[in-house]
Amino acid sequence: MAGATGYTGRAVVRALRDTGVETVAHVRPDSSALAAWRARFEALGARVDTTPWEPEAMRATLAALRPSLVFALLGTTRARARRVARERGTVEDYETVDYGLTMLLCQAARGCGSRPRFVYLSAVGVRQGSRNAYLAARARVEQALMQGDLPYLIVRPSFITGADRDEFRLGERIAARVTDLALGVAGLLGARRLRERYRSTTNRILAEALVRLALDPAAANTVVESEGLR
């Protein structure tokens, strides 16, 4: 699983292990917290993989693992992109991470020989032609998956929030609360579908839904909006 150390990713590792699914959690080989992540995931019964983000290396790893599911929960933020540029002098933005690394993983999955279902964590509001760089990158990934030859599952959650996030995203937390309040009113007025699609969720609820859908044969080649996650 790629993106295992993220807020949703770590919950997915736990949900997979709770379901008894053999799990390999990917951690970047240059992660300063590699030892801590290894201890955390191995305590759950998951294996840890540190394959570098290089096409041939990733393809070889997946060919050896022959997975039935590949989870792509990759993403960055503008704040992280600025920090990485400042500290490392490298570019890690929506184009290189959200799109680039996801497509690298997808190509590796296509060439691994086991034809795994590609489980992609997208976002609510994704549509072709968006001028928002974050949504546009994810729209391109979705289009590639829909036009590709791998079975896929695309999930579009709304805000993913919780008090235990490592990164304190004040703007996102405020937006989630304001949106949830407004949607609560809308639901009372009859707009229940709107409320269910855009209200926030937690990483645990999302992770359990991702695992449930990933293991459901009927969910192959589907796009699941936020209201389908509860």
Foldseek 3Di string as FASTA:
>chain_A
DEPCPAQLNVLLLLLCLVVVHAAEYEDAPPDPCVVVVCVSSVVSVYHYDHQHLDLVSLLVVCLVVLDQEDEDPKDDDPVVQVVCCVPPVDGDHCCCIVQVSLVSNVVSCVNSPNLHEYEYEAAPPQDDPDPDSNSNSRNVVVVCQLPDDGWYEYEHAAAADDPPHPDDDPVSVVVLVVLQVVLVVVVVVPPVVVNQQHHYHYSNLQSNQSVVLSPDPVRINHYHGRNNSD
